[in-house]
Amino acid sequence: MSRPKTIRITRKVQAADFRSRYRTYSQAARGNRVVLIHNKRQAPKYLVDKSFLDDLAGTIEAQVETLALLANPEMAQRLIALGRTIDTAVRRGKVRLYSMDEVFS
């Protein structure tokens, strides 16, 4: 899983300006660039790129699932034991690990 890009707030705009120049600001919110929209009557809003938000949400979901596994003591012990079994098998030569070049060439 790739590491998500750092979020960069590129523009801070007033809601009235945002409404009148929507096209400009929607183009500015590409990739990891975010537009922060201020309004006196409502909480601030963010305009973000959908693919960036999907990638970020997927990363967070994977991290939450990993933490849920590790928070379960029984599951964590089973994973640690399985890791030791694999390490032992590799040391004894019963299991061969491939290099990244071998896998992707």
Protein backbone atom coordinates (compact mmCIF):
# COMPACT_ATOMS: atom_id res chain seq x y z
CA MET A 1 0.00 0.00 0.00
CA SER A 2 1.39 3.36 -0.95
CA ARG A 3 1.74 6.18 1.51
CA PRO A 4 -0.75 8.98 0.87
CA LYS A 5 0.51 12.38 -0.16
CA THR A 6 0.63 15.17 2.37
CA ILE A 7 -2.39 17.44 2.27
CA ARG A 8 -1.61 20.95 1.11
CA ILE A 9 -4.15 23.73 1.64
CA THR A 10 -3.42 25.83 -1.42
CA ARG A 11 -6.18 28.39 -1.13
CA LYS A 12 -8.29 29.93 1.62
CA VAL A 13 -11.31 31.64 0.10
CA GLN A 14 -14.52 33.30 1.19
CA ALA A 15 -17.72 31.49 0.21
CA ALA A 16 -18.94 34.39 -1.96
CA ASP A 17 -15.68 34.43 -3.90
CA PHE A 18 -15.82 30.64 -4.20
CA ARG A 19 -19.34 30.76 -5.69
CA SER A 20 -18.35 33.35 -8.27
CA ARG A 21 -15.08 31.61 -9.26
CA TYR A 22 -16.03 27.95 -8.77
CA ARG A 23 -14.27 26.73 -11.93
CA THR A 24 -10.95 28.29 -10.91
CA TYR A 25 -11.07 26.83 -7.42
CA SER A 26 -12.23 23.40 -8.57
CA GLN A 27 -9.19 23.24 -10.84
CA ALA A 28 -6.98 24.29 -7.92
CA ALA A 29 -8.22 21.31 -5.86
CA ARG A 30 -6.29 18.61 -7.74
CA GLY A 31 -4.21 15.82 -6.28
CA ASN A 32 -3.24 16.59 -2.70
CA ARG A 33 -4.14 20.29 -3.00
CA VAL A 34 -7.16 21.39 -0.98
CA VAL A 35 -9.24 24.56 -1.09
CA LEU A 36 -10.56 25.78 2.29
CA ILE A 37 -13.85 27.68 1.99
CA HIS A 38 -14.76 30.10 4.81
CA ASN A 39 -18.29 31.25 5.54
CA LYS A 40 -19.42 33.46 8.41
CA ARG A 41 -22.65 31.53 8.99
CA GLN A 42 -21.39 27.95 8.61
CA ALA A 43 -18.39 25.85 9.51
CA PRO A 44 -15.49 25.92 7.02
CA LYS A 45 -15.65 23.42 4.17
CA TYR A 46 -12.94 21.72 2.13
CA LEU A 47 -12.91 21.09 -1.61
CA VAL A 48 -10.75 18.04 -2.38
CA ASP A 49 -9.94 15.81 -5.34
CA LYS A 50 -12.08 12.64 -5.25
CA SER A 51 -9.25 10.24 -6.13
CA PHE A 52 -7.04 11.75 -3.40
CA LEU A 53 -9.84 11.44 -0.84
CA ASP A 54 -10.54 7.83 -1.91
CA ASP A 55 -6.85 6.97 -1.55
CA LEU A 56 -6.71 8.63 1.87
CA ALA A 57 -9.88 6.84 3.04
CA GLY A 58 -8.50 3.49 1.84
CA THR A 59 -5.26 4.04 3.72
CA ILE A 60 -7.09 4.96 6.90
CA GLU A 61 -9.37 1.93 6.57
CA ALA A 62 -6.38 -0.40 6.19
CA GLN A 63 -4.71 1.14 9.24
CA VAL A 64 -7.86 0.75 11.34
CA GLU A 65 -8.15 -2.91 10.31
CA THR A 66 -4.49 -3.51 11.23
CA LEU A 67 -5.00 -1.87 14.62
CA ALA A 68 -8.12 -3.97 15.21
CA LEU A 69 -6.11 -7.15 14.58
CA LEU A 70 -3.29 -6.05 16.84
CA ALA A 71 -5.70 -4.92 19.58
CA ASN A 72 -7.00 -8.48 19.83
CA PRO A 73 -4.38 -10.23 22.04
CA GLU A 74 -5.22 -13.72 20.75
CA MET A 75 -4.96 -12.66 17.11
CA ALA A 76 -1.72 -10.76 17.73
CA GLN A 77 -0.16 -13.82 19.38
CA ARG A 78 -1.25 -16.03 16.48
CA LEU A 79 0.32 -13.62 13.97
CA ILE A 80 3.56 -13.46 15.96
CA ALA A 81 3.70 -17.26 16.18
CA LEU A 82 3.04 -17.57 12.45
CA GLY A 83 5.84 -15.10 11.77
CA ARG A 84 8.25 -17.16 13.87
CA THR A 85 7.22 -20.33 12.02
CA ILE A 86 7.92 -18.68 8.67
CA ASP A 87 11.26 -17.28 9.91
CA THR A 88 12.32 -20.76 11.07
CA ALA A 89 11.30 -22.34 7.76
CA VAL A 90 13.29 -19.75 5.82
CA ARG A 91 16.39 -20.27 7.99
CA ARG A 92 16.20 -24.04 7.47
CA GLY A 93 15.85 -23.59 3.74
CA LYS A 94 12.39 -25.14 3.56
CA VAL A 95 10.90 -21.94 2.17
CA ARG A 96 12.59 -19.83 -0.49
CA LEU A 97 12.00 -16.08 -0.53
CA TYR A 98 12.23 -14.25 -3.83
CA SER A 99 13.89 -10.89 -4.30
CA MET A 100 11.93 -7.91 -5.57
CA ASP A 101 13.75 -8.17 -8.91
CA GLU A 102 12.77 -11.83 -9.25
CA VAL A 103 9.15 -11.10 -8.45
CA PHE A 104 8.71 -8.06 -10.70
CA SER A 105 10.97 -8.90 -13.65
